[in-house]
Protein backbone atom coordinates (compact mmCIF):
# COMPACT_ATOMS: atom_id res chain seq x y z
CA MET A 1 44.55 -38.13 -75.11
CA LYS A 2 48.20 -38.69 -74.85
CA LYS A 3 49.73 -41.55 -72.98
CA GLU A 4 51.50 -39.17 -70.58
CA ASP A 5 48.21 -37.43 -69.71
CA LYS A 6 46.59 -40.77 -68.90
CA GLU A 7 49.52 -41.75 -66.69
CA ARG A 8 49.40 -38.36 -64.96
CA LYS A 9 45.67 -38.69 -64.37
CA ALA A 10 46.14 -42.20 -62.94
CA GLN A 11 48.88 -40.90 -60.58
CA VAL A 12 46.60 -38.08 -59.36
CA TRP A 13 43.80 -40.57 -58.60
CA ILE A 14 46.21 -42.86 -56.77
CA TRP A 15 47.55 -39.96 -54.65
CA LEU A 16 43.96 -38.90 -53.83
CA LEU A 17 43.13 -42.47 -52.86
CA VAL A 18 46.23 -42.72 -50.64
CA ALA A 19 45.41 -39.37 -48.98
CA LEU A 20 41.80 -40.42 -48.38
CA LEU A 21 42.82 -43.75 -46.87
CA SER A 22 45.38 -41.98 -44.64
CA LEU A 23 42.70 -39.58 -43.36
CA ILE A 24 40.32 -42.46 -42.67
CA MET A 25 43.02 -44.35 -40.76
CA LEU A 26 43.96 -41.32 -38.67
CA HIS A 27 40.34 -40.44 -37.86
CA GLY A 28 39.26 -43.99 -37.06
CA CYS A 29 41.23 -44.22 -33.79
CA THR A 30 38.56 -42.69 -31.55
CA LYS A 31 36.04 -44.85 -29.75
CA THR A 32 32.61 -43.79 -28.50
CA VAL A 33 31.66 -45.33 -25.15
CA TYR A 34 28.13 -45.28 -23.74
CA ILE A 35 27.97 -44.80 -19.97
CA PRO A 36 24.65 -45.47 -18.20
CA VAL A 37 23.43 -42.49 -16.16
CA GLU A 38 20.64 -42.71 -13.62
CA HIS A 39 17.61 -40.48 -14.03
CA LYS A 40 15.73 -40.16 -10.76
CA THR A 41 12.07 -39.32 -10.40
CA THR A 42 10.71 -38.64 -6.94
CA GLU A 43 7.11 -39.32 -6.00
CA THR A 44 5.65 -38.55 -2.58
CA ILE A 45 2.77 -40.73 -1.39
CA GLU A 46 0.67 -39.57 1.54
CA THR A 47 -1.57 -42.01 3.37
CA ILE A 48 -3.92 -41.51 6.30
CA VAL A 49 -3.64 -44.09 9.06
CA ARG A 50 -6.66 -44.47 11.35
CA ASP A 51 -6.31 -45.78 14.86
CA THR A 52 -8.60 -48.79 15.39
CA ILE A 53 -8.61 -48.69 19.18
CA VAL A 54 -10.81 -45.84 20.31
CA GLU A 55 -11.82 -45.05 23.84
CA VAL A 56 -15.08 -43.15 24.27
CA GLU A 57 -15.68 -41.29 27.48
CA MET A 58 -19.34 -41.50 28.49
CA GLN A 59 -21.01 -39.12 30.84
CA SER A 60 -21.88 -40.73 34.14
CA GLU A 61 -25.52 -40.99 35.20
CA ARG A 62 -26.81 -41.93 38.60
CA VAL A 63 -30.43 -42.38 39.64
CA GLU A 64 -31.70 -43.68 43.00
CA VAL A 65 -35.21 -44.36 44.19
CA GLY A 66 -36.67 -45.75 47.37
CA THR A 67 -40.11 -47.35 47.44
CA THR A 68 -42.34 -49.46 49.68
CA ASP A 69 -43.99 -50.96 46.64
CA SER A 70 -42.97 -54.35 45.19
CA VAL A 71 -41.97 -52.81 41.78
CA SER A 72 -39.30 -50.17 41.13
CA VAL A 73 -38.47 -48.60 37.74
CA LEU A 74 -35.45 -46.36 37.04
CA MET A 75 -34.83 -44.52 33.77
CA THR A 76 -31.82 -42.61 32.39
CA GLU A 77 -31.05 -41.18 28.96
CA ARG A 78 -29.45 -44.44 27.79
CA ALA A 79 -31.09 -47.21 29.87
CA THR A 80 -34.06 -48.35 31.93
CA SER A 81 -34.03 -50.68 34.91
CA ARG A 82 -36.93 -52.57 36.53
CA ALA A 83 -36.77 -54.37 39.86
CA GLU A 84 -39.65 -56.44 41.26
CA VAL A 85 -40.17 -58.61 44.32
CA SER A 86 -42.46 -61.54 43.67
CA ARG A 87 -43.07 -64.45 46.10
CA GLY A 88 -40.06 -63.43 48.14
CA VAL A 89 -37.66 -63.33 45.12
CA LEU A 90 -36.14 -60.14 43.69
CA HIS A 91 -36.20 -59.98 39.86
CA HIS A 92 -34.14 -57.24 38.28
CA SER A 93 -33.87 -56.35 34.53
CA LEU A 94 -31.79 -53.75 32.73
CA TYR A 95 -32.40 -52.50 29.20
CA VAL A 96 -29.93 -50.22 27.37
CA PHE A 97 -31.35 -48.12 24.54
CA PRO A 98 -29.64 -48.57 21.17
CA ALA A 99 -27.87 -45.33 20.34
CA SER A 100 -24.84 -44.18 18.40
CA VAL A 101 -22.31 -41.89 19.98
CA PRO A 102 -20.29 -39.59 17.69
CA VAL A 103 -16.56 -40.14 18.16
CA SER A 104 -13.69 -38.27 16.52
CA VAL A 105 -11.02 -40.72 15.38
CA PRO A 106 -7.44 -39.46 15.55
CA THR A 107 -5.59 -39.68 12.21
CA VAL A 108 -1.89 -39.75 11.40
CA THR A 109 -0.52 -38.74 7.99
CA VAL A 110 2.43 -40.83 6.79
CA SER A 111 4.54 -39.61 3.86
CA LYS A 112 6.69 -42.01 1.82
CA THR A 113 9.12 -41.02 -0.90
CA ARG A 114 9.79 -43.42 -3.78
CA ARG A 115 12.61 -42.95 -6.29
CA ASP A 116 12.80 -44.64 -9.65
CA SER A 117 16.08 -44.92 -11.54
CA ILE A 118 15.99 -45.25 -15.30
CA PRO A 119 19.42 -45.82 -16.92
CA TYR A 120 19.99 -44.48 -20.41
CA PRO A 121 23.15 -44.22 -22.49
CA VAL A 122 25.07 -40.95 -22.77
CA GLU A 123 27.66 -40.55 -25.50
CA VAL A 124 31.07 -39.84 -24.01
CA GLU A 125 34.27 -39.61 -26.00
CA LYS A 126 36.91 -41.65 -24.25
CA VAL A 127 40.53 -42.15 -25.27
CA VAL A 128 41.20 -45.85 -25.00
CA GLU A 129 44.98 -45.67 -25.29
CA VAL A 130 47.30 -42.71 -25.83
CA VAL A 131 49.73 -43.28 -28.69
CA PRO A 132 53.03 -41.34 -28.52
CA THR A 133 53.71 -38.67 -31.14
CA TRP A 134 56.77 -40.47 -32.53
CA ALA A 135 54.58 -43.49 -33.34
CA TRP A 136 52.25 -41.31 -35.44
CA TRP A 137 55.18 -39.80 -37.32
CA SER A 138 56.70 -43.21 -38.02
CA LEU A 139 53.30 -44.45 -39.24
CA ALA A 140 52.96 -41.44 -41.55
CA ILE A 141 56.47 -41.98 -42.98
CA ALA A 142 55.74 -45.68 -43.51
CA GLY A 143 52.50 -44.77 -45.31
CA VAL A 144 54.32 -42.36 -47.61
CA CYS A 145 56.96 -45.03 -48.35
CA VAL A 146 54.29 -47.65 -49.14
CA ALA A 147 52.41 -45.16 -51.37
CA GLY A 148 55.64 -44.23 -53.19
CA ALA A 149 56.54 -47.88 -53.71
CA THR A 150 53.04 -48.60 -55.02
CA LEU A 151 53.21 -45.70 -57.46
CA TYR A 152 56.69 -46.77 -58.60
CA ILE A 153 55.46 -50.33 -59.22
CA ILE A 154 52.36 -49.10 -61.09
CA GLY A 155 54.49 -46.74 -63.21
CA ASN A 156 56.89 -49.54 -64.14
CA ILE A 157 54.06 -51.93 -65.01
CA LYS A 158 52.54 -49.39 -67.45
CA LYS A 159 55.88 -48.74 -69.16
CA ALA A 160 56.46 -52.43 -69.74
């Protein structure tokens, strides 16, 4: 190969390198910022609350008896009573039968809503600072001048 072809090839590579570096510098001015965004999940919890104080209405029962005897016994569905006079003293006893009474307990349903927030990053392009157009043009002109000076210096070094 001739010396001129080698120099020409070197100049082409240098211009490609300068163009590539200029593109990288121009493209590298953007900044990606991550902004946390809340993701909400809603869960409804239902609980049943039972009232602990319960009033039970019992049916009334009344039984009377009159007797000339010294012993009197009264019976109802839930109890028995025995009265007795002995040696001039009245003895009276009452016995209540053990029984269970069915009672309906009032219930209240309480609903609670719980929300969970889970932050995660979202990519948002954000311009950090706006550079005026004249500054870009002056930067481009300065880059061309530096590239030209570099090529001039490299060309003179090879000739010497």
